[in-house]
Amino acid sequence: MQGTEFDRWARIRAQGALRYVLLNGVVFYGLPMFLIMTYVIPHPRLTVAQSALLWVAIAGAGFGAAMWIVQERRFRKVSGRS
């Protein structure tokens, strides 16, 4: 983690994990995945509402939480905190 990346993560970190997961996971990952999986590659057994729940909420939140954990580990390694 470089100095500028460290400072950027410190600012993001101060805003909290929930905000990060909702914004980066659900909105920036889950929503595009929903659009792709619903309209580009539609699933024959799922309705649009089921696809939305699956990709926006579950996959997006999972992605956001995983990225938070990765960034926290990198931040703590550089900052010397455990």
PDB file of N, CA and C in Angstrom:
ATOM      1  N   MET A   1       0.864  -1.171   0.000  1.00  0.00           N
ATOM      2  CA  MET A   1       0.000   0.000   0.000  1.00  0.00           C
ATOM      3  C   MET A   1       0.910   1.233   0.000  1.00  0.00           C
ATOM      4  N   GLN A   2       0.769   2.046  -1.012  1.00  0.00           N
ATOM      5  CA  GLN A   2       1.562   3.267  -1.156  1.00  0.00           C
ATOM      6  C   GLN A   2       1.016   4.360  -0.244  1.00  0.00           C
ATOM      7  N   GLY A   3       1.765   5.455  -0.130  1.00  0.00           N
ATOM      8  CA  GLY A   3       1.360   6.559   0.734  1.00  0.00           C
ATOM      9  C   GLY A   3       0.031   7.175   0.358  1.00  0.00           C
ATOM     10  N   THR A   4      -0.182   7.436  -0.935  1.00  0.00           N
ATOM     11  CA  THR A   4      -1.448   8.038  -1.367  1.00  0.00           C
ATOM     12  C   THR A   4      -2.600   7.066  -1.202  1.00  0.00           C
ATOM     13  N   GLU A   5      -2.330   5.792  -1.463  1.00  0.00           N
ATOM     14  CA  GLU A   5      -3.365   4.777  -1.286  1.00  0.00           C
ATOM     15  C   GLU A   5      -3.716   4.624   0.195  1.00  0.00           C
ATOM     16  N   PHE A   6      -2.716   4.716   1.041  1.00  0.00           N
ATOM     17  CA  PHE A   6      -2.921   4.646   2.491  1.00  0.00           C
ATOM     18  C   PHE A   6      -3.809   5.795   2.957  1.00  0.00           C
ATOM     19  N   ASP A   7      -3.503   7.019   2.500  1.00  0.00           N
ATOM     20  CA  ASP A   7      -4.304   8.191   2.873  1.00  0.00           C
ATOM     21  C   ASP A   7      -5.736   8.066   2.362  1.00  0.00           C
ATOM     22  N   ARG A   8      -5.887   7.588   1.131  1.00  0.00           N
ATOM     23  CA  ARG A   8      -7.232   7.404   0.554  1.00  0.00           C
ATOM     24  C   ARG A   8      -8.028   6.402   1.382  1.00  0.00           C
ATOM     25  N   TRP A   9      -7.403   5.276   1.737  1.00  0.00           N
ATOM     26  CA  TRP A   9      -8.114   4.267   2.515  1.00  0.00           C
ATOM     27  C   TRP A   9      -8.443   4.780   3.909  1.00  0.00           C
ATOM     28  N   ALA A  10      -7.564   5.582   4.490  1.00  0.00           N
ATOM     29  CA  ALA A  10      -7.835   6.145   5.815  1.00  0.00           C
ATOM     30  C   ALA A  10      -9.089   7.016   5.777  1.00  0.00           C
ATOM     31  N   ARG A  11      -9.266   7.784   4.691  1.00  0.00           N
ATOM     32  CA  ARG A  11     -10.480   8.609   4.549  1.00  0.00           C
ATOM     33  C   ARG A  11     -11.716   7.728   4.368  1.00  0.00           C
ATOM     34  N   ILE A  12     -11.613   6.718   3.517  1.00  0.00           N
ATOM     35  CA  ILE A  12     -12.740   5.802   3.292  1.00  0.00           C
ATOM     36  C   ILE A  12     -13.075   5.060   4.580  1.00  0.00           C
ATOM     37  N   ARG A  13     -12.050   4.619   5.272  1.00  0.00           N
ATOM     38  CA  ARG A  13     -12.209   3.862   6.518  1.00  0.00           C
ATOM     39  C   ARG A  13     -12.941   4.670   7.575  1.00  0.00           C
ATOM     40  N   ALA A  14     -12.667   5.958   7.621  1.00  0.00           N
ATOM     41  CA  ALA A  14     -13.309   6.830   8.608  1.00  0.00           C
ATOM     42  C   ALA A  14     -14.819   6.931   8.376  1.00  0.00           C
ATOM     43  N   GLN A  15     -15.266   6.694   7.153  1.00  0.00           N
ATOM     44  CA  GLN A  15     -16.689   6.768   6.839  1.00  0.00           C
ATOM     45  C   GLN A  15     -17.437   5.506   7.244  1.00  0.00           C
ATOM     46  N   GLY A  16     -16.717   4.417   7.507  1.00  0.00           N
ATOM     47  CA  GLY A  16     -17.337   3.207   8.031  1.00  0.00           C
ATOM     48  C   GLY A  16     -17.498   2.086   7.025  1.00  0.00           C
ATOM     49  N   ALA A  17     -17.538   0.875   7.572  1.00  0.00           N
ATOM     50  CA  ALA A  17     -17.642  -0.331   6.750  1.00  0.00           C
ATOM     51  C   ALA A  17     -19.003  -0.436   6.064  1.00  0.00           C
ATOM     52  N   LEU A  18     -20.070  -0.105   6.761  1.00  0.00           N
ATOM     53  CA  LEU A  18     -21.402  -0.237   6.181  1.00  0.00           C
ATOM     54  C   LEU A  18     -21.559   0.642   4.943  1.00  0.00           C
ATOM     55  N   ARG A  19     -21.119   1.879   5.039  1.00  0.00           N
ATOM     56  CA  ARG A  19     -21.204   2.789   3.889  1.00  0.00           C
ATOM     57  C   ARG A  19     -20.377   2.255   2.727  1.00  0.00           C
ATOM     58  N   TYR A  20     -19.181   1.750   3.021  1.00  0.00           N
ATOM     59  CA  TYR A  20     -18.306   1.204   1.983  1.00  0.00           C
ATOM     60  C   TYR A  20     -18.965   0.007   1.299  1.00  0.00           C
ATOM     61  N   VAL A  21     -19.494  -0.910   2.095  1.00  0.00           N
ATOM     62  CA  VAL A  21     -20.115  -2.114   1.532  1.00  0.00           C
ATOM     63  C   VAL A  21     -21.332  -1.746   0.692  1.00  0.00           C
ATOM     64  N   LEU A  22     -22.178  -0.853   1.202  1.00  0.00           N
ATOM     65  CA  LEU A  22     -23.370  -0.474   0.447  1.00  0.00           C
ATOM     66  C   LEU A  22     -23.029   0.262  -0.842  1.00  0.00           C
ATOM     67  N   LEU A  23     -22.107   1.208  -0.753  1.00  0.00           N
ATOM     68  CA  LEU A  23     -21.777   2.003  -1.932  1.00  0.00           C
ATOM     69  C   LEU A  23     -20.948   1.214  -2.932  1.00  0.00           C
ATOM     70  N   ASN A  24     -19.807   0.687  -2.517  1.00  0.00           N
ATOM     71  CA  ASN A  24     -18.911   0.008  -3.439  1.00  0.00           C
ATOM     72  C   ASN A  24     -19.346  -1.406  -3.784  1.00  0.00           C
ATOM     73  N   GLY A  25     -19.970  -2.082  -2.842  1.00  0.00           N
ATOM     74  CA  GLY A  25     -20.413  -3.445  -3.106  1.00  0.00           C
ATOM     75  C   GLY A  25     -21.753  -3.503  -3.800  1.00  0.00           C
ATOM     76  N   VAL A  26     -22.755  -2.922  -3.174  1.00  0.00           N
ATOM     77  CA  VAL A  26     -24.113  -3.043  -3.704  1.00  0.00           C
ATOM     78  C   VAL A  26     -24.327  -2.143  -4.922  1.00  0.00           C
ATOM     79  N   VAL A  27     -23.960  -0.877  -4.825  1.00  0.00           N
ATOM     80  CA  VAL A  27     -24.246   0.059  -5.916  1.00  0.00           C
ATOM     81  C   VAL A  27     -23.286  -0.121  -7.093  1.00  0.00           C
ATOM     82  N   PHE A  28     -21.974  -0.128  -6.820  1.00  0.00           N
ATOM     83  CA  PHE A  28     -20.999  -0.149  -7.912  1.00  0.00           C
ATOM     84  C   PHE A  28     -20.668  -1.536  -8.428  1.00  0.00           C
ATOM     85  N   TYR A  29     -21.010  -2.591  -7.703  1.00  0.00           N
ATOM     86  CA  TYR A  29     -20.792  -3.951  -8.173  1.00  0.00           C
ATOM     87  C   TYR A  29     -22.119  -4.680  -8.388  1.00  0.00           C
ATOM     88  N   GLY A  30     -22.978  -4.667  -7.403  1.00  0.00           N
ATOM     89  CA  GLY A  30     -24.229  -5.414  -7.479  1.00  0.00           C
ATOM     90  C   GLY A  30     -25.172  -4.906  -8.552  1.00  0.00           C
ATOM     91  N   LEU A  31     -25.331  -3.600  -8.654  1.00  0.00           N
ATOM     92  CA  LEU A  31     -26.241  -3.038  -9.653  1.00  0.00           C
ATOM     93  C   LEU A  31     -25.795  -3.345 -11.084  1.00  0.00           C
ATOM     94  N   PRO A  32     -24.518  -3.118 -11.448  1.00  0.00           N
ATOM     95  CA  PRO A  32     -24.103  -3.508 -12.799  1.00  0.00           C
ATOM     96  C   PRO A  32     -24.247  -5.014 -13.046  1.00  0.00           C
ATOM     97  N   MET A  33     -23.945  -5.835 -12.025  1.00  0.00           N
ATOM     98  CA  MET A  33     -24.117  -7.274 -12.188  1.00  0.00           C
ATOM     99  C   MET A  33     -25.586  -7.629 -12.408  1.00  0.00           C
ATOM    100  N   PHE A  34     -26.468  -6.950 -11.698  1.00  0.00           N
ATOM    101  CA  PHE A  34     -27.895  -7.176 -11.894  1.00  0.00           C
ATOM    102  C   PHE A  34     -28.296  -6.851 -13.326  1.00  0.00           C
ATOM    103  N   LEU A  35     -27.846  -5.712 -13.825  1.00  0.00           N
ATOM    104  CA  LEU A  35     -28.197  -5.312 -15.188  1.00  0.00           C
ATOM    105  C   LEU A  35     -27.663  -6.310 -16.219  1.00  0.00           C
ATOM    106  N   ILE A  36     -26.435  -6.736 -16.035  1.00  0.00           N
ATOM    107  CA  ILE A  36     -25.848  -7.701 -16.969  1.00  0.00           C
ATOM    108  C   ILE A  36     -26.570  -9.038 -16.890  1.00  0.00           C
ATOM    109  N   MET A  37     -26.747  -9.535 -15.690  1.00  0.00           N
ATOM    110  CA  MET A  37     -27.344 -10.859 -15.529  1.00  0.00           C
ATOM    111  C   MET A  37     -28.840 -10.887 -15.867  1.00  0.00           C
ATOM    112  N   THR A  38     -29.511  -9.759 -15.763  1.00  0.00           N
ATOM    113  CA  THR A  38     -30.936  -9.720 -16.056  1.00  0.00           C
ATOM    114  C   THR A  38     -31.212  -9.474 -17.527  1.00  0.00           C
ATOM    115  N   TYR A  39     -30.484  -8.533 -18.121  1.00  0.00           N
ATOM    116  CA  TYR A  39     -30.808  -8.125 -19.484  1.00  0.00           C
ATOM    117  C   TYR A  39     -29.859  -8.666 -20.539  1.00  0.00           C
ATOM    118  N   VAL A  40     -28.634  -8.939 -20.194  1.00  0.00           N
ATOM    119  CA  VAL A  40     -27.695  -9.483 -21.169  1.00  0.00           C
ATOM    120  C   VAL A  40     -27.726 -11.001 -21.132  1.00  0.00           C
ATOM    121  N   ILE A  41     -27.716 -11.567 -19.927  1.00  0.00           N
ATOM    122  CA  ILE A  41     -27.734 -13.020 -19.751  1.00  0.00           C
ATOM    123  C   ILE A  41     -28.895 -13.365 -18.823  1.00  0.00           C
ATOM    124  N   PRO A  42     -30.135 -13.341 -19.306  1.00  0.00           N
ATOM    125  CA  PRO A  42     -31.260 -13.612 -18.408  1.00  0.00           C
ATOM    126  C   PRO A  42     -31.286 -15.071 -17.945  1.00  0.00           C
ATOM    127  N   HIS A  43     -31.677 -15.266 -16.699  1.00  0.00           N
ATOM    128  CA  HIS A  43     -31.795 -16.611 -16.134  1.00  0.00           C
ATOM    129  C   HIS A  43     -33.215 -17.104 -16.378  1.00  0.00           C
ATOM    130  N   PRO A  44     -33.385 -18.293 -16.943  1.00  0.00           N
ATOM    131  CA  PRO A  44     -34.731 -18.765 -17.298  1.00  0.00           C
ATOM    132  C   PRO A  44     -35.654 -19.037 -16.105  1.00  0.00           C
ATOM    133  N   ARG A  45     -35.119 -19.311 -14.924  1.00  0.00           N
ATOM    134  CA  ARG A  45     -35.953 -19.663 -13.776  1.00  0.00           C
ATOM    135  C   ARG A  45     -36.196 -18.518 -12.804  1.00  0.00           C
ATOM    136  N   LEU A  46     -35.494 -17.398 -12.955  1.00  0.00           N
ATOM    137  CA  LEU A  46     -35.634 -16.296 -12.000  1.00  0.00           C
ATOM    138  C   LEU A  46     -36.398 -15.133 -12.612  1.00  0.00           C
ATOM    139  N   THR A  47     -37.217 -14.508 -11.786  1.00  0.00           N
ATOM    140  CA  THR A  47     -37.887 -13.283 -12.220  1.00  0.00           C
ATOM    141  C   THR A  47     -36.906 -12.121 -12.084  1.00  0.00           C
ATOM    142  N   VAL A  48     -37.281 -10.974 -12.595  1.00  0.00           N
ATOM    143  CA  VAL A  48     -36.430  -9.790 -12.473  1.00  0.00           C
ATOM    144  C   VAL A  48     -36.231  -9.431 -10.998  1.00  0.00           C
ATOM    145  N   ALA A  49     -37.273  -9.530 -10.204  1.00  0.00           N
ATOM    146  CA  ALA A  49     -37.175  -9.209  -8.780  1.00  0.00           C
ATOM    147  C   ALA A  49     -36.219 -10.170  -8.069  1.00  0.00           C
ATOM    148  N   GLN A  50     -36.272 -11.435  -8.386  1.00  0.00           N
ATOM    149  CA  GLN A  50     -35.363 -12.405  -7.777  1.00  0.00           C
ATOM    150  C   GLN A  50     -33.917 -12.138  -8.193  1.00  0.00           C
ATOM    151  N   SER A  51     -33.719 -11.794  -9.456  1.00  0.00           N
ATOM    152  CA  SER A  51     -32.375 -11.455  -9.931  1.00  0.00           C
ATOM    153  C   SER A  51     -31.849 -10.228  -9.207  1.00  0.00           C
ATOM    154  N   ALA A  52     -32.717  -9.246  -9.017  1.00  0.00           N
ATOM    155  CA  ALA A  52     -32.309  -8.021  -8.318  1.00  0.00           C
ATOM    156  C   ALA A  52     -31.873  -8.344  -6.903  1.00  0.00           C
ATOM    157  N   LEU A  53     -32.657  -9.134  -6.203  1.00  0.00           N
ATOM    158  CA  LEU A  53     -32.310  -9.507  -4.834  1.00  0.00           C
ATOM    159  C   LEU A  53     -30.996 -10.270  -4.795  1.00  0.00           C
ATOM    160  N   LEU A  54     -30.854 -11.214  -5.692  1.00  0.00           N
ATOM    161  CA  LEU A  54     -29.653 -12.039  -5.722  1.00  0.00           C
ATOM    162  C   LEU A  54     -28.400 -11.225  -6.021  1.00  0.00           C
ATOM    163  N   TRP A  55     -28.406 -10.476  -7.107  1.00  0.00           N
ATOM    164  CA  TRP A  55     -27.183  -9.797  -7.548  1.00  0.00           C
ATOM    165  C   TRP A  55     -26.916  -8.493  -6.825  1.00  0.00           C
ATOM    166  N   VAL A  56     -27.918  -7.704  -6.587  1.00  0.00           N
ATOM    167  CA  VAL A  56     -27.683  -6.413  -5.940  1.00  0.00           C
ATOM    168  C   VAL A  56     -27.397  -6.590  -4.462  1.00  0.00           C
ATOM    169  N   ALA A  57     -28.238  -7.298  -3.776  1.00  0.00           N
ATOM    170  CA  ALA A  57     -28.097  -7.404  -2.324  1.00  0.00           C
ATOM    171  C   ALA A  57     -27.025  -8.412  -1.909  1.00  0.00           C
ATOM    172  N   ILE A  58     -27.147  -9.628  -2.352  1.00  0.00           N
ATOM    173  CA  ILE A  58     -26.265 -10.684  -1.868  1.00  0.00           C
ATOM    174  C   ILE A  58     -24.870 -10.591  -2.468  1.00  0.00           C
ATOM    175  N   ALA A  59     -24.787 -10.607  -3.793  1.00  0.00           N
ATOM    176  CA  ALA A  59     -23.472 -10.570  -4.435  1.00  0.00           C
ATOM    177  C   ALA A  59     -22.777  -9.235  -4.192  1.00  0.00           C
ATOM    178  N   GLY A  60     -23.513  -8.148  -4.262  1.00  0.00           N
ATOM    179  CA  GLY A  60     -22.921  -6.832  -4.048  1.00  0.00           C
ATOM    180  C   GLY A  60     -22.408  -6.655  -2.634  1.00  0.00           C
ATOM    181  N   ALA A  61     -23.197  -7.052  -1.660  1.00  0.00           N
ATOM    182  CA  ALA A  61     -22.768  -6.935  -0.269  1.00  0.00           C
ATOM    183  C   ALA A  61     -21.589  -7.861   0.012  1.00  0.00           C
ATOM    184  N   GLY A  62     -21.613  -9.044  -0.552  1.00  0.00           N
ATOM    185  CA  GLY A  62     -20.483  -9.965  -0.383  1.00  0.00           C
ATOM    186  C   GLY A  62     -19.197  -9.413  -0.968  1.00  0.00           C
ATOM    187  N   PHE A  63     -19.292  -8.848  -2.149  1.00  0.00           N
ATOM    188  CA  PHE A  63     -18.122  -8.247  -2.784  1.00  0.00           C
ATOM    189  C   PHE A  63     -17.616  -7.073  -1.962  1.00  0.00           C
ATOM    190  N   GLY A  64     -18.509  -6.208  -1.543  1.00  0.00           N
ATOM    191  CA  GLY A  64     -18.115  -5.047  -0.746  1.00  0.00           C
ATOM    192  C   GLY A  64     -17.465  -5.444   0.568  1.00  0.00           C
ATOM    193  N   ALA A  65     -18.027  -6.438   1.235  1.00  0.00           N
ATOM    194  CA  ALA A  65     -17.459  -6.903   2.502  1.00  0.00           C
ATOM    195  C   ALA A  65     -16.083  -7.528   2.292  1.00  0.00           C
ATOM    196  N   ALA A  66     -15.925  -8.297   1.234  1.00  0.00           N
ATOM    197  CA  ALA A  66     -14.624  -8.898   0.932  1.00  0.00           C
ATOM    198  C   ALA A  66     -13.578  -7.829   0.647  1.00  0.00           C
ATOM    199  N   MET A  67     -13.937  -6.815  -0.108  1.00  0.00           N
ATOM    200  CA  MET A  67     -12.995  -5.741  -0.412  1.00  0.00           C
ATOM    201  C   MET A  67     -12.649  -4.946   0.844  1.00  0.00           C
ATOM    202  N   TRP A  68     -13.602  -4.751   1.737  1.00  0.00           N
ATOM    203  CA  TRP A  68     -13.328  -4.059   3.010  1.00  0.00           C
ATOM    204  C   TRP A  68     -12.285  -4.853   3.806  1.00  0.00           C
ATOM    205  N   ILE A  69     -12.459  -6.150   3.893  1.00  0.00           N
ATOM    206  CA  ILE A  69     -11.536  -6.993   4.648  1.00  0.00           C
ATOM    207  C   ILE A  69     -10.133  -6.936   4.047  1.00  0.00           C
ATOM    208  N   VAL A  70     -10.034  -7.026   2.731  1.00  0.00           N
ATOM    209  CA  VAL A  70      -8.735  -6.958   2.061  1.00  0.00           C
ATOM    210  C   VAL A  70      -8.058  -5.619   2.332  1.00  0.00           C
ATOM    211  N   GLN A  71      -8.787  -4.548   2.173  1.00  0.00           N
ATOM    212  CA  GLN A  71      -8.210  -3.220   2.379  1.00  0.00           C
ATOM    213  C   GLN A  71      -7.832  -2.997   3.847  1.00  0.00           C
ATOM    214  N   GLU A  72      -8.621  -3.499   4.772  1.00  0.00           N
ATOM    215  CA  GLU A  72      -8.300  -3.377   6.196  1.00  0.00           C
ATOM    216  C   GLU A  72      -6.994  -4.093   6.520  1.00  0.00           C
ATOM    217  N   ARG A  73      -6.816  -5.281   5.965  1.00  0.00           N
ATOM    218  CA  ARG A  73      -5.573  -6.021   6.197  1.00  0.00           C
ATOM    219  C   ARG A  73      -4.378  -5.251   5.652  1.00  0.00           C
ATOM    220  N   ARG A  74      -4.526  -4.707   4.465  1.00  0.00           N
ATOM    221  CA  ARG A  74      -3.438  -3.934   3.874  1.00  0.00           C
ATOM    222  C   ARG A  74      -3.157  -2.676   4.698  1.00  0.00           C
ATOM    223  N   PHE A  75      -4.198  -2.001   5.149  1.00  0.00           N
ATOM    224  CA  PHE A  75      -4.060  -0.787   5.951  1.00  0.00           C
ATOM    225  C   PHE A  75      -3.346  -1.085   7.264  1.00  0.00           C
ATOM    226  N   ARG A  76      -3.764  -2.141   7.935  1.00  0.00           N
ATOM    227  CA  ARG A  76      -3.168  -2.494   9.224  1.00  0.00           C
ATOM    228  C   ARG A  76      -1.715  -2.926   9.075  1.00  0.00           C
ATOM    229  N   LYS A  77      -1.401  -3.579   7.970  1.00  0.00           N
ATOM    230  CA  LYS A  77      -0.024  -3.991   7.731  1.00  0.00           C
ATOM    231  C   LYS A  77       0.888  -2.779   7.585  1.00  0.00           C
ATOM    232  N   VAL A  78       0.439  -1.777   6.871  1.00  0.00           N
ATOM    233  CA  VAL A  78       1.236  -0.580   6.656  1.00  0.00           C
ATOM    234  C   VAL A  78       1.289   0.289   7.902  1.00  0.00           C
ATOM    235  N   SER A  79       0.157   0.407   8.597  1.00  0.00           N
ATOM    236  CA  SER A  79       0.104   1.290   9.761  1.00  0.00           C
ATOM    237  C   SER A  79       0.708   0.664  11.015  1.00  0.00           C
ATOM    238  N   GLY A  80       0.960  -0.638  10.990  1.00  0.00           N
ATOM    239  CA  GLY A  80       1.531  -1.307  12.145  1.00  0.00           C
ATOM    240  C   GLY A  80       0.521  -1.659  13.211  1.00  0.00           C
ATOM    241  N   ARG A  81      -0.762  -1.518  12.901  1.00  0.00           N
ATOM    242  CA  ARG A  81      -1.831  -1.878  13.863  1.00  0.00           C
ATOM    243  C   ARG A  81      -2.233  -3.314  13.623  1.00  0.00           C
ATOM    244  N   SER A  82      -2.694  -3.979  14.682  1.00  0.00           N
ATOM    245  CA  SER A  82      -3.142  -5.360  14.509  1.00  0.00           C
ATOM    246  C   SER A  82      -4.588  -5.534  14.821  1.00  0.00           C
TER     247      SER A  82
END
